[in-house]
Each structure stands twice: as structure tokens, then as C-alpha cells.
Amino acid sequence: MKRKFSLLIACLLIVWLSAALVRVENQRYALSIGMCRDTATGFIDFACLDKVQTRTAWWWHLFYALKI
């Protein structure tokens, strides 16, 4: 029973960390190609970073984050 619980916790932790990694890789790529720059001031638009989708699917973010 204890082993199953530990495995469940490990799986949930992997899913949670993968979701965070996907979000950060999406924002990193958006910043690197200049998608979220305010054209008037040149500063970073943080509201844009929360909404931007730089690749077609979440697994591409995970692939590129783990590849680097």
C-alpha cells in the first residue's frame, strides 16, 4: 500500500513539473523571438506572456524543453 501511494505521488509530481516546464518553455520561446514586446515602449508585455501560444501543441514545448 505504501509503495502504491509513493508511486502515485511520484506520478503526480512528474505531471505537475511537466506542466510547469511547458508553461516556462512557451514563455521563453515567446521572449526569444520577440512575440510579447510592446511596440510603443519596447518593454515586455506580461499579459501577452500569459496568453501566447508559440507552438502548435503542448508536447512540442515539452520536447524542446527536454531536448535542450
N, C-alpha and C. Protein backbone atom coordinates (compact mmCIF):
# COMPACT_ATOMS: atom_id res chain seq x y z
N MET A 1 0.83 -1.20 0.00
CA MET A 1 0.00 0.00 0.00
C MET A 1 0.86 1.26 0.00
N LYS A 2 1.92 1.25 0.79
CA LYS A 2 2.79 2.41 0.88
C LYS A 2 3.51 2.65 -0.46
N ARG A 3 3.87 1.57 -1.14
CA ARG A 3 4.56 1.69 -2.42
C ARG A 3 3.63 2.28 -3.49
N LYS A 4 2.36 1.88 -3.49
CA LYS A 4 1.40 2.42 -4.45
C LYS A 4 1.18 3.91 -4.21
N PHE A 5 1.12 4.29 -2.95
CA PHE A 5 0.94 5.70 -2.62
C PHE A 5 2.15 6.51 -3.06
N SER A 6 3.35 5.98 -2.86
CA SER A 6 4.57 6.66 -3.28
C SER A 6 4.62 6.79 -4.80
N LEU A 7 4.19 5.76 -5.51
CA LEU A 7 4.16 5.81 -6.96
C LEU A 7 3.15 6.84 -7.45
N LEU A 8 2.02 6.91 -6.81
CA LEU A 8 1.01 7.91 -7.17
C LEU A 8 1.54 9.31 -6.95
N ILE A 9 2.18 9.56 -5.83
CA ILE A 9 2.76 10.88 -5.54
C ILE A 9 3.83 11.22 -6.57
N ALA A 10 4.67 10.26 -6.93
CA ALA A 10 5.72 10.49 -7.93
C ALA A 10 5.12 10.83 -9.29
N CYS A 11 4.08 10.13 -9.69
CA CYS A 11 3.42 10.41 -10.97
C CYS A 11 2.78 11.79 -10.98
N LEU A 12 2.12 12.16 -9.89
CA LEU A 12 1.51 13.49 -9.80
C LEU A 12 2.57 14.58 -9.84
N LEU A 13 3.70 14.34 -9.21
CA LEU A 13 4.79 15.31 -9.21
C LEU A 13 5.37 15.47 -10.62
N ILE A 14 5.50 14.38 -11.35
CA ILE A 14 6.01 14.45 -12.72
C ILE A 14 5.05 15.23 -13.61
N VAL A 15 3.75 14.99 -13.46
CA VAL A 15 2.75 15.72 -14.25
C VAL A 15 2.79 17.20 -13.92
N TRP A 16 2.87 17.53 -12.65
CA TRP A 16 2.89 18.93 -12.23
C TRP A 16 4.14 19.64 -12.73
N LEU A 17 5.30 19.00 -12.60
CA LEU A 17 6.54 19.61 -13.08
C LEU A 17 6.57 19.72 -14.60
N SER A 18 5.99 18.77 -15.29
CA SER A 18 5.92 18.84 -16.75
C SER A 18 5.04 20.00 -17.19
N ALA A 19 3.94 20.22 -16.52
CA ALA A 19 3.06 21.34 -16.86
C ALA A 19 3.77 22.68 -16.63
N ALA A 20 4.52 22.77 -15.55
CA ALA A 20 5.28 23.99 -15.29
C ALA A 20 6.37 24.20 -16.34
N LEU A 21 7.02 23.12 -16.74
CA LEU A 21 8.06 23.20 -17.76
C LEU A 21 7.50 23.63 -19.10
N VAL A 22 6.33 23.15 -19.46
CA VAL A 22 5.67 23.53 -20.71
C VAL A 22 5.36 25.03 -20.69
N ARG A 23 4.84 25.52 -19.58
CA ARG A 23 4.49 26.94 -19.46
C ARG A 23 5.74 27.83 -19.58
N VAL A 24 6.80 27.43 -18.91
CA VAL A 24 8.03 28.23 -18.93
C VAL A 24 8.69 28.19 -20.31
N GLU A 25 8.69 27.04 -20.96
CA GLU A 25 9.27 26.95 -22.30
C GLU A 25 8.47 27.78 -23.30
N ASN A 26 7.17 27.81 -23.17
CA ASN A 26 6.33 28.64 -24.03
C ASN A 26 6.71 30.12 -23.86
N GLN A 27 6.85 30.56 -22.63
CA GLN A 27 7.21 31.95 -22.37
C GLN A 27 8.65 32.26 -22.81
N ARG A 28 9.56 31.32 -22.61
CA ARG A 28 10.94 31.52 -23.01
C ARG A 28 11.05 31.70 -24.52
N TYR A 29 10.35 30.85 -25.25
CA TYR A 29 10.39 30.93 -26.70
C TYR A 29 9.73 32.21 -27.21
N ALA A 30 8.64 32.60 -26.59
CA ALA A 30 7.96 33.85 -26.98
C ALA A 30 8.88 35.05 -26.77
N LEU A 31 9.62 35.05 -25.67
CA LEU A 31 10.56 36.15 -25.42
C LEU A 31 11.74 36.11 -26.38
N SER A 32 12.20 34.92 -26.72
CA SER A 32 13.37 34.82 -27.59
C SER A 32 13.08 35.25 -29.02
N ILE A 33 11.84 35.08 -29.49
CA ILE A 33 11.51 35.52 -30.85
C ILE A 33 10.81 36.87 -30.87
N GLY A 34 10.62 37.48 -29.69
CA GLY A 34 10.07 38.83 -29.61
C GLY A 34 8.58 38.94 -29.83
N MET A 35 7.83 37.93 -29.47
CA MET A 35 6.37 37.97 -29.67
C MET A 35 5.65 38.90 -28.71
N CYS A 36 6.17 39.10 -27.53
CA CYS A 36 5.44 39.85 -26.50
C CYS A 36 6.13 41.17 -26.15
N ARG A 37 6.59 41.85 -27.14
CA ARG A 37 7.16 43.19 -26.92
C ARG A 37 6.10 44.23 -27.24
N ASP A 38 6.00 45.23 -26.38
CA ASP A 38 5.11 46.35 -26.65
C ASP A 38 5.77 47.22 -27.72
N THR A 39 5.09 47.45 -28.81
CA THR A 39 5.70 48.16 -29.93
C THR A 39 5.98 49.62 -29.62
N ALA A 40 5.18 50.22 -28.77
CA ALA A 40 5.36 51.64 -28.46
C ALA A 40 6.55 51.87 -27.52
N THR A 41 6.64 51.04 -26.47
CA THR A 41 7.68 51.28 -25.47
C THR A 41 8.87 50.33 -25.60
N GLY A 42 8.66 49.17 -26.18
CA GLY A 42 9.73 48.19 -26.29
C GLY A 42 9.86 47.29 -25.08
N PHE A 43 9.01 47.51 -24.07
CA PHE A 43 9.05 46.67 -22.87
C PHE A 43 8.28 45.37 -23.10
N ILE A 44 8.48 44.42 -22.19
CA ILE A 44 7.81 43.13 -22.26
C ILE A 44 6.37 43.28 -21.78
N ASP A 45 5.44 42.73 -22.53
CA ASP A 45 4.03 42.73 -22.16
C ASP A 45 3.74 41.41 -21.42
N PHE A 46 3.63 41.47 -20.11
CA PHE A 46 3.46 40.26 -19.30
C PHE A 46 2.08 39.64 -19.47
N ALA A 47 1.08 40.43 -19.81
CA ALA A 47 -0.25 39.88 -20.08
C ALA A 47 -0.20 39.01 -21.34
N CYS A 48 0.59 39.43 -22.30
CA CYS A 48 0.76 38.64 -23.53
C CYS A 48 1.44 37.31 -23.22
N LEU A 49 2.41 37.31 -22.32
CA LEU A 49 3.12 36.07 -21.98
C LEU A 49 2.19 35.02 -21.37
N ASP A 50 1.16 35.46 -20.68
CA ASP A 50 0.21 34.52 -20.08
C ASP A 50 -0.69 33.86 -21.12
N LYS A 51 -0.91 34.55 -22.26
CA LYS A 51 -1.87 34.06 -23.25
C LYS A 51 -1.25 33.51 -24.53
N VAL A 52 0.00 33.82 -24.79
CA VAL A 52 0.62 33.48 -26.07
C VAL A 52 0.81 31.97 -26.23
N GLN A 53 0.61 31.49 -27.46
CA GLN A 53 0.89 30.10 -27.81
C GLN A 53 1.88 30.13 -28.97
N THR A 54 3.11 29.72 -28.71
CA THR A 54 4.16 29.84 -29.70
C THR A 54 4.29 28.60 -30.59
N ARG A 55 3.85 27.47 -30.12
CA ARG A 55 3.92 26.25 -30.91
C ARG A 55 2.52 25.65 -31.02
N THR A 56 2.37 24.65 -31.87
CA THR A 56 1.03 24.13 -32.16
C THR A 56 0.44 23.26 -31.06
N ALA A 57 1.28 22.66 -30.23
CA ALA A 57 0.76 21.78 -29.18
C ALA A 57 1.69 21.80 -27.98
N TRP A 58 1.15 21.40 -26.84
CA TRP A 58 1.94 21.45 -25.59
C TRP A 58 3.10 20.48 -25.61
N TRP A 59 2.97 19.35 -26.30
CA TRP A 59 4.06 18.37 -26.27
C TRP A 59 5.29 18.88 -27.01
N TRP A 60 5.11 19.83 -27.95
CA TRP A 60 6.29 20.42 -28.60
C TRP A 60 7.09 21.25 -27.61
N HIS A 61 6.41 21.94 -26.72
CA HIS A 61 7.12 22.70 -25.68
C HIS A 61 7.90 21.75 -24.79
N LEU A 62 7.28 20.66 -24.41
CA LEU A 62 7.94 19.68 -23.55
C LEU A 62 9.13 19.06 -24.27
N PHE A 63 8.97 18.73 -25.54
CA PHE A 63 10.06 18.14 -26.32
C PHE A 63 11.25 19.09 -26.40
N TYR A 64 11.00 20.36 -26.76
CA TYR A 64 12.09 21.31 -26.88
C TYR A 64 12.73 21.63 -25.53
N ALA A 65 11.94 21.67 -24.47
CA ALA A 65 12.49 21.93 -23.14
C ALA A 65 13.39 20.78 -22.68
N LEU A 66 13.01 19.55 -22.97
CA LEU A 66 13.82 18.41 -22.56
C LEU A 66 15.00 18.17 -23.48
N LYS A 67 14.88 18.62 -24.73
CA LYS A 67 15.95 18.44 -25.70
C LYS A 67 17.14 19.32 -25.39
N ILE A 68 16.90 20.53 -24.92
CA ILE A 68 17.97 21.50 -24.70
C ILE A 68 18.79 21.16 -23.50
